[in-house]
Amino acid sequence: MFMYSSTSSPRSSLSADRLADLRLAASKMTGANRRAFQAEMTLKYCAGNARQAETVFGWGRSNIEVGLAEKRTGILCLGLQSAFSGRKRWEDEHPEAALALREIAEAHAQQDPTFRSAVAYTRLTAEAALAALRQGGYDAQVPAASTMAVVLNRMGYRLRKVIKAKPQKKLKQTDAIFDNIKKRSAGGPRGPGHPLEHGL
């Protein structure tokens, strides 16, 4: 345990400006970083006495004590909120249902026709995916339709109409080229090995 010596006076060694700077620095930090900073300053200026640091710096004594304990043991304390808050993703909570959903989506998916991205486009709607999961026996695990759309997007599927690759546009000269071929082939017999002329 850190002991405080009554002979040391932190107020005499700290100017008002420096005190203000240390308070400001601590106010910009949060969690374990703030506690570590407060513990360091308590050790440096208050000989490890949390009660005196509370008086000098205006920091909460219990917070300083936790910071000192963390420094001494090397173990960081987690609050209940940070340790247990936040909801897991649907696919993490229900991995089997997520695997079934991926198989359903793959059956309806098509690669981006331009091959410029790894995203697959699917005709499958969120409602259809939910119905397929229910048919597969995952009735109790299906989320809302809006959540299902988000899940599919996270898996790399975009819920939009599949766009098929469009053929190249016909050139202006295409009809003329085929008309010329027809004329030349209808123009009479050609000898063996006579090349068929293409073009205008």
C-alpha atoms as a PDB file:
ATOM      1  CA  MET A   1       0.000   0.000   0.000  1.00  0.00           C
ATOM      2  CA  PHE A   2       1.226   3.469  -0.880  1.00  0.00           C
ATOM      3  CA  MET A   3       1.858   5.702   2.126  1.00  0.00           C
ATOM      4  CA  TYR A   4       1.698   9.478   2.256  1.00  0.00           C
ATOM      5  CA  SER A   5       4.400  11.406   4.055  1.00  0.00           C
ATOM      6  CA  SER A   6       3.077  14.466   5.873  1.00  0.00           C
ATOM      7  CA  THR A   7       6.333  16.310   5.213  1.00  0.00           C
ATOM      8  CA  SER A   8       5.646  16.566   1.493  1.00  0.00           C
ATOM      9  CA  SER A   9       3.320  19.302   0.333  1.00  0.00           C
ATOM     10  CA  PRO A  10       2.001  18.860  -3.236  1.00  0.00           C
ATOM     11  CA  ARG A  11       0.396  22.302  -3.274  1.00  0.00           C
ATOM     12  CA  SER A  12       3.782  23.947  -2.659  1.00  0.00           C
ATOM     13  CA  SER A  13       5.428  22.010  -5.521  1.00  0.00           C
ATOM     14  CA  LEU A  14       2.561  22.606  -7.984  1.00  0.00           C
ATOM     15  CA  SER A  15       1.753  26.017  -9.397  1.00  0.00           C
ATOM     16  CA  ALA A  16      -1.844  26.964 -10.101  1.00  0.00           C
ATOM     17  CA  ASP A  17      -1.174  26.712 -13.831  1.00  0.00           C
ATOM     18  CA  ARG A  18       0.276  23.227 -13.532  1.00  0.00           C
ATOM     19  CA  LEU A  19      -2.653  22.086 -11.381  1.00  0.00           C
ATOM     20  CA  ALA A  20      -5.066  23.412 -13.997  1.00  0.00           C
ATOM     21  CA  ASP A  21      -3.123  21.622 -16.749  1.00  0.00           C
ATOM     22  CA  LEU A  22      -3.213  18.290 -14.922  1.00  0.00           C
ATOM     23  CA  ARG A  23      -6.938  18.623 -14.246  1.00  0.00           C
ATOM     24  CA  LEU A  24      -7.571  19.468 -17.904  1.00  0.00           C
ATOM     25  CA  ALA A  25      -5.472  16.527 -19.099  1.00  0.00           C
ATOM     26  CA  ALA A  26      -7.412  14.113 -16.891  1.00  0.00           C
ATOM     27  CA  SER A  27     -10.738  15.518 -18.088  1.00  0.00           C
ATOM     28  CA  LYS A  28      -9.810  14.679 -21.696  1.00  0.00           C
ATOM     29  CA  MET A  29      -9.284  11.000 -20.859  1.00  0.00           C
ATOM     30  CA  THR A  30     -11.730   8.221 -20.105  1.00  0.00           C
ATOM     31  CA  GLY A  31     -11.759   4.820 -18.448  1.00  0.00           C
ATOM     32  CA  ALA A  32      -8.493   3.011 -17.746  1.00  0.00           C
ATOM     33  CA  ASN A  33      -6.405   5.758 -19.384  1.00  0.00           C
ATOM     34  CA  ARG A  34      -7.759   8.367 -16.999  1.00  0.00           C
ATOM     35  CA  ARG A  35      -7.294   6.122 -13.969  1.00  0.00           C
ATOM     36  CA  ALA A  36      -3.708   5.347 -14.995  1.00  0.00           C
ATOM     37  CA  PHE A  37      -2.951   9.059 -15.387  1.00  0.00           C
ATOM     38  CA  GLN A  38      -4.531   9.909 -12.045  1.00  0.00           C
ATOM     39  CA  ALA A  39      -2.600   7.111 -10.342  1.00  0.00           C
ATOM     40  CA  GLU A  40       0.690   8.368 -11.820  1.00  0.00           C
ATOM     41  CA  MET A  41       0.048  11.934 -10.679  1.00  0.00           C
ATOM     42  CA  THR A  42      -1.030  10.694  -7.246  1.00  0.00           C
ATOM     43  CA  LEU A  43       2.217   8.766  -6.882  1.00  0.00           C
ATOM     44  CA  LYS A  44       4.289  11.687  -8.149  1.00  0.00           C
ATOM     45  CA  TYR A  45       2.729  14.562  -6.224  1.00  0.00           C
ATOM     46  CA  CYS A  46       0.817  12.954  -3.337  1.00  0.00           C
ATOM     47  CA  ALA A  47       3.013   9.980  -2.430  1.00  0.00           C
ATOM     48  CA  GLY A  48       0.264   7.582  -3.478  1.00  0.00           C
ATOM     49  CA  ASN A  49      -2.364   9.020  -1.104  1.00  0.00           C
ATOM     50  CA  ALA A  50      -5.749   8.956  -2.881  1.00  0.00           C
ATOM     51  CA  ARG A  51      -7.434  11.123  -0.245  1.00  0.00           C
ATOM     52  CA  GLN A  52      -4.870  13.897  -0.648  1.00  0.00           C
ATOM     53  CA  ALA A  53      -5.040  13.640  -4.460  1.00  0.00           C
ATOM     54  CA  GLU A  54      -8.803  14.110  -4.185  1.00  0.00           C
ATOM     55  CA  THR A  55      -8.216  17.315  -2.205  1.00  0.00           C
ATOM     56  CA  VAL A  56      -5.458  18.655  -4.435  1.00  0.00           C
ATOM     57  CA  PHE A  57      -6.734  17.707  -7.910  1.00  0.00           C
ATOM     58  CA  GLY A  58     -10.457  17.387  -7.263  1.00  0.00           C
ATOM     59  CA  TRP A  59     -10.592  13.852  -8.678  1.00  0.00           C
ATOM     60  CA  GLY A  60     -12.802  11.127  -7.215  1.00  0.00           C
ATOM     61  CA  ARG A  61     -10.966   9.202  -4.527  1.00  0.00           C
ATOM     62  CA  SER A  62     -12.471   5.824  -5.438  1.00  0.00           C
ATOM     63  CA  ASN A  63     -11.425   6.312  -9.051  1.00  0.00           C
ATOM     64  CA  ILE A  64      -7.864   7.087  -7.954  1.00  0.00           C
ATOM     65  CA  GLU A  65      -7.808   4.024  -5.690  1.00  0.00           C
ATOM     66  CA  VAL A  66      -8.881   1.797  -8.578  1.00  0.00           C
ATOM     67  CA  GLY A  67      -6.157   3.345 -10.746  1.00  0.00           C
ATOM     68  CA  LEU A  68      -3.538   2.716  -8.057  1.00  0.00           C
ATOM     69  CA  ALA A  69      -4.691  -0.902  -7.702  1.00  0.00           C
ATOM     70  CA  GLU A  70      -4.565  -1.385 -11.477  1.00  0.00           C
ATOM     71  CA  LYS A  71      -1.021  -0.015 -11.550  1.00  0.00           C
ATOM     72  CA  ARG A  72       0.060  -2.226  -8.654  1.00  0.00           C
ATOM     73  CA  THR A  73      -1.471  -5.471  -9.996  1.00  0.00           C
ATOM     74  CA  GLY A  74      -1.355  -4.865 -13.744  1.00  0.00           C
ATOM     75  CA  ILE A  75      -4.996  -5.948 -13.995  1.00  0.00           C
ATOM     76  CA  LEU A  76      -7.468  -3.543 -15.634  1.00  0.00           C
ATOM     77  CA  CYS A  77     -10.949  -3.306 -14.189  1.00  0.00           C
ATOM     78  CA  LEU A  78     -13.917  -3.414 -16.555  1.00  0.00           C
ATOM     79  CA  GLY A  79     -17.221  -1.852 -15.666  1.00  0.00           C
ATOM     80  CA  LEU A  80     -20.366  -3.906 -16.150  1.00  0.00           C
ATOM     81  CA  GLN A  81     -21.508  -1.648 -18.947  1.00  0.00           C
ATOM     82  CA  SER A  82     -18.383  -2.055 -21.052  1.00  0.00           C
ATOM     83  CA  ALA A  83     -18.021  -5.749 -20.217  1.00  0.00           C
ATOM     84  CA  PHE A  84     -21.588  -6.855 -20.858  1.00  0.00           C
ATOM     85  CA  SER A  85     -23.338  -4.165 -22.871  1.00  0.00           C
ATOM     86  CA  GLY A  86     -24.035  -4.307 -26.572  1.00  0.00           C
ATOM     87  CA  ARG A  87     -26.043  -6.844 -28.455  1.00  0.00           C
ATOM     88  CA  LYS A  88     -24.425  -9.599 -30.489  1.00  0.00           C
ATOM     89  CA  ARG A  89     -25.052  -9.758 -34.203  1.00  0.00           C
ATOM     90  CA  TRP A  90     -27.837 -12.086 -35.284  1.00  0.00           C
ATOM     91  CA  GLU A  91     -25.421 -14.273 -37.234  1.00  0.00           C
ATOM     92  CA  ASP A  92     -23.206 -14.618 -34.131  1.00  0.00           C
ATOM     93  CA  GLU A  93     -26.144 -15.586 -31.927  1.00  0.00           C
ATOM     94  CA  HIS A  94     -27.530 -18.101 -34.455  1.00  0.00           C
ATOM     95  CA  PRO A  95     -24.594 -19.513 -36.466  1.00  0.00           C
ATOM     96  CA  GLU A  96     -26.545 -22.523 -37.816  1.00  0.00           C
ATOM     97  CA  ALA A  97     -29.383 -20.341 -39.063  1.00  0.00           C
ATOM     98  CA  ALA A  98     -26.824 -17.931 -40.556  1.00  0.00           C
ATOM     99  CA  LEU A  99     -25.197 -20.817 -42.465  1.00  0.00           C
ATOM    100  CA  ALA A 100     -28.597 -21.876 -43.798  1.00  0.00           C
ATOM    101  CA  LEU A 101     -29.304 -18.278 -44.797  1.00  0.00           C
ATOM    102  CA  ARG A 102     -26.009 -18.078 -46.698  1.00  0.00           C
ATOM    103  CA  GLU A 103     -26.903 -21.250 -48.634  1.00  0.00           C
ATOM    104  CA  ILE A 104     -30.329 -19.809 -49.471  1.00  0.00           C
ATOM    105  CA  ALA A 105     -28.811 -16.511 -50.620  1.00  0.00           C
ATOM    106  CA  GLU A 106     -26.131 -18.269 -52.714  1.00  0.00           C
ATOM    107  CA  ALA A 107     -28.855 -20.127 -54.616  1.00  0.00           C
ATOM    108  CA  HIS A 108     -30.332 -16.781 -55.704  1.00  0.00           C
ATOM    109  CA  ALA A 109     -27.120 -14.794 -56.100  1.00  0.00           C
ATOM    110  CA  GLN A 110     -25.215 -13.581 -59.110  1.00  0.00           C
ATOM    111  CA  GLN A 111     -21.762 -12.069 -59.227  1.00  0.00           C
ATOM    112  CA  ASP A 112     -21.513  -8.419 -60.206  1.00  0.00           C
ATOM    113  CA  PRO A 113     -21.608  -8.582 -64.028  1.00  0.00           C
ATOM    114  CA  THR A 114     -18.728  -6.141 -64.320  1.00  0.00           C
ATOM    115  CA  PHE A 115     -16.598  -8.233 -61.880  1.00  0.00           C
ATOM    116  CA  ARG A 116     -15.454  -4.945 -60.354  1.00  0.00           C
ATOM    117  CA  SER A 117     -16.519  -5.939 -56.841  1.00  0.00           C
ATOM    118  CA  ALA A 118     -16.876  -9.092 -54.763  1.00  0.00           C
ATOM    119  CA  VAL A 119     -20.456  -8.163 -53.851  1.00  0.00           C
ATOM    120  CA  ALA A 120     -23.098 -10.613 -55.054  1.00  0.00           C
ATOM    121  CA  TYR A 121     -26.477  -9.322 -56.165  1.00  0.00           C
ATOM    122  CA  THR A 122     -29.535 -11.373 -55.308  1.00  0.00           C
ATOM    123  CA  ARG A 123     -33.178 -11.471 -56.290  1.00  0.00           C
ATOM    124  CA  LEU A 124     -33.927 -12.862 -52.837  1.00  0.00           C
ATOM    125  CA  THR A 125     -35.982 -10.478 -50.721  1.00  0.00           C
ATOM    126  CA  ALA A 126     -35.795 -10.299 -46.946  1.00  0.00           C
ATOM    127  CA  GLU A 127     -39.336 -11.709 -46.712  1.00  0.00           C
ATOM    128  CA  ALA A 128     -38.432 -14.640 -48.983  1.00  0.00           C
ATOM    129  CA  ALA A 129     -35.322 -15.341 -46.913  1.00  0.00           C
ATOM    130  CA  LEU A 130     -37.407 -15.353 -43.721  1.00  0.00           C
ATOM    131  CA  ALA A 131     -39.937 -17.734 -45.288  1.00  0.00           C
ATOM    132  CA  ALA A 132     -37.153 -20.072 -46.433  1.00  0.00           C
ATOM    133  CA  LEU A 133     -35.601 -20.096 -42.954  1.00  0.00           C
ATOM    134  CA  ARG A 134     -38.975 -20.879 -41.399  1.00  0.00           C
ATOM    135  CA  GLN A 135     -39.421 -23.775 -43.818  1.00  0.00           C
ATOM    136  CA  GLY A 136     -35.972 -25.001 -42.815  1.00  0.00           C
ATOM    137  CA  GLY A 137     -37.003 -25.233 -39.162  1.00  0.00           C
ATOM    138  CA  TYR A 138     -35.455 -21.989 -37.890  1.00  0.00           C
ATOM    139  CA  ASP A 139     -38.814 -20.460 -36.982  1.00  0.00           C
ATOM    140  CA  ALA A 140     -37.808 -19.302 -33.492  1.00  0.00           C
ATOM    141  CA  GLN A 141     -34.562 -17.729 -34.690  1.00  0.00           C
ATOM    142  CA  VAL A 142     -35.726 -15.525 -37.541  1.00  0.00           C
ATOM    143  CA  PRO A 143     -35.315 -11.758 -37.043  1.00  0.00           C
ATOM    144  CA  ALA A 144     -37.473  -8.938 -38.358  1.00  0.00           C
ATOM    145  CA  ALA A 145     -37.473  -8.286 -42.098  1.00  0.00           C
ATOM    146  CA  SER A 146     -35.475  -5.065 -41.694  1.00  0.00           C
ATOM    147  CA  THR A 147     -32.840  -6.906 -39.652  1.00  0.00           C
ATOM    148  CA  MET A 148     -32.723  -9.670 -42.255  1.00  0.00           C
ATOM    149  CA  ALA A 149     -31.931  -7.119 -44.951  1.00  0.00           C
ATOM    150  CA  VAL A 150     -29.041  -5.770 -42.828  1.00  0.00           C
ATOM    151  CA  VAL A 151     -27.766  -9.311 -42.158  1.00  0.00           C
ATOM    152  CA  LEU A 152     -27.757 -10.158 -45.869  1.00  0.00           C
ATOM    153  CA  ASN A 153     -25.890  -6.947 -46.620  1.00  0.00           C
ATOM    154  CA  ARG A 154     -23.299  -7.782 -43.950  1.00  0.00           C
ATOM    155  CA  MET A 155     -22.851 -11.197 -45.563  1.00  0.00           C
ATOM    156  CA  GLY A 156     -22.049  -9.523 -48.875  1.00  0.00           C
ATOM    157  CA  TYR A 157     -25.402  -9.797 -50.662  1.00  0.00           C
ATOM    158  CA  ARG A 158     -27.217  -6.772 -52.025  1.00  0.00           C
ATOM    159  CA  LEU A 159     -30.988  -6.981 -52.143  1.00  0.00           C
ATOM    160  CA  ARG A 160     -31.580  -5.617 -55.584  1.00  0.00           C
ATOM    161  CA  LYS A 161     -32.701  -6.918 -58.925  1.00  0.00           C
ATOM    162  CA  VAL A 162     -30.039  -8.967 -60.658  1.00  0.00           C
ATOM    163  CA  ILE A 163     -28.661  -6.991 -63.582  1.00  0.00           C
ATOM    164  CA  LYS A 164     -27.661  -9.246 -66.430  1.00  0.00           C
ATOM    165  CA  ALA A 165     -24.635  -8.358 -68.504  1.00  0.00           C
ATOM    166  CA  LYS A 166     -25.787  -6.290 -71.453  1.00  0.00           C
ATOM    167  CA  PRO A 167     -24.568  -7.220 -74.940  1.00  0.00           C
ATOM    168  CA  GLN A 168     -22.447  -4.707 -76.750  1.00  0.00           C
ATOM    169  CA  LYS A 169     -24.323  -2.123 -78.771  1.00  0.00           C
ATOM    170  CA  LYS A 170     -24.662  -2.859 -82.446  1.00  0.00           C
ATOM    171  CA  LEU A 171     -22.351  -0.807 -84.610  1.00  0.00           C
ATOM    172  CA  LYS A 172     -23.826   1.393 -87.311  1.00  0.00           C
ATOM    173  CA  GLN A 173     -21.978  -0.596 -89.974  1.00  0.00           C
ATOM    174  CA  THR A 174     -23.217  -4.024 -88.754  1.00  0.00           C
ATOM    175  CA  ASP A 175     -26.288  -4.174 -91.041  1.00  0.00           C
ATOM    176  CA  ALA A 176     -24.250  -2.957 -93.991  1.00  0.00           C
ATOM    177  CA  ILE A 177     -21.578  -5.618 -93.389  1.00  0.00           C
ATOM    178  CA  PHE A 178     -24.144  -8.453 -93.309  1.00  0.00           C
ATOM    179  CA  ASP A 179     -25.940  -7.062 -96.377  1.00  0.00           C
ATOM    180  CA  ASN A 180     -22.622  -7.031 -98.231  1.00  0.00           C
ATOM    181  CA  ILE A 181     -21.918 -10.642 -97.202  1.00  0.00           C
ATOM    182  CA  LYS A 182     -25.348 -11.730 -98.449  1.00  0.00           C
ATOM    183  CA  LYS A 183     -24.835  -9.939-101.788  1.00  0.00           C
ATOM    184  CA  ARG A 184     -21.426 -11.471-102.339  1.00  0.00           C
ATOM    185  CA  SER A 185     -22.557 -14.979-101.380  1.00  0.00           C
ATOM    186  CA  ALA A 186     -25.598 -14.665-103.655  1.00  0.00           C
ATOM    187  CA  GLY A 187     -23.500 -13.215-106.487  1.00  0.00           C
ATOM    188  CA  GLY A 188     -22.571 -16.580-107.938  1.00  0.00           C
ATOM    189  CA  PRO A 189     -20.511 -19.649-107.323  1.00  0.00           C
ATOM    190  CA  ARG A 190     -17.030 -19.253-106.079  1.00  0.00           C
ATOM    191  CA  GLY A 191     -14.220 -21.555-106.727  1.00  0.00           C
ATOM    192  CA  PRO A 192     -12.727 -23.781-104.081  1.00  0.00           C
ATOM    193  CA  GLY A 193     -10.535 -21.936-101.686  1.00  0.00           C
ATOM    194  CA  HIS A 194     -11.976 -18.567-102.694  1.00  0.00           C
ATOM    195  CA  PRO A 195     -12.048 -16.434 -99.586  1.00  0.00           C
ATOM    196  CA  LEU A 196     -15.317 -14.908 -98.440  1.00  0.00           C
ATOM    197  CA  GLU A 197     -14.805 -11.172 -98.328  1.00  0.00           C
ATOM    198  CA  HIS A 198     -15.953  -9.337 -95.268  1.00  0.00           C
ATOM    199  CA  GLY A 199     -16.501  -5.642 -95.092  1.00  0.00           C
ATOM    200  CA  LEU A 200     -17.992  -3.003 -97.288  1.00  0.00           C
END
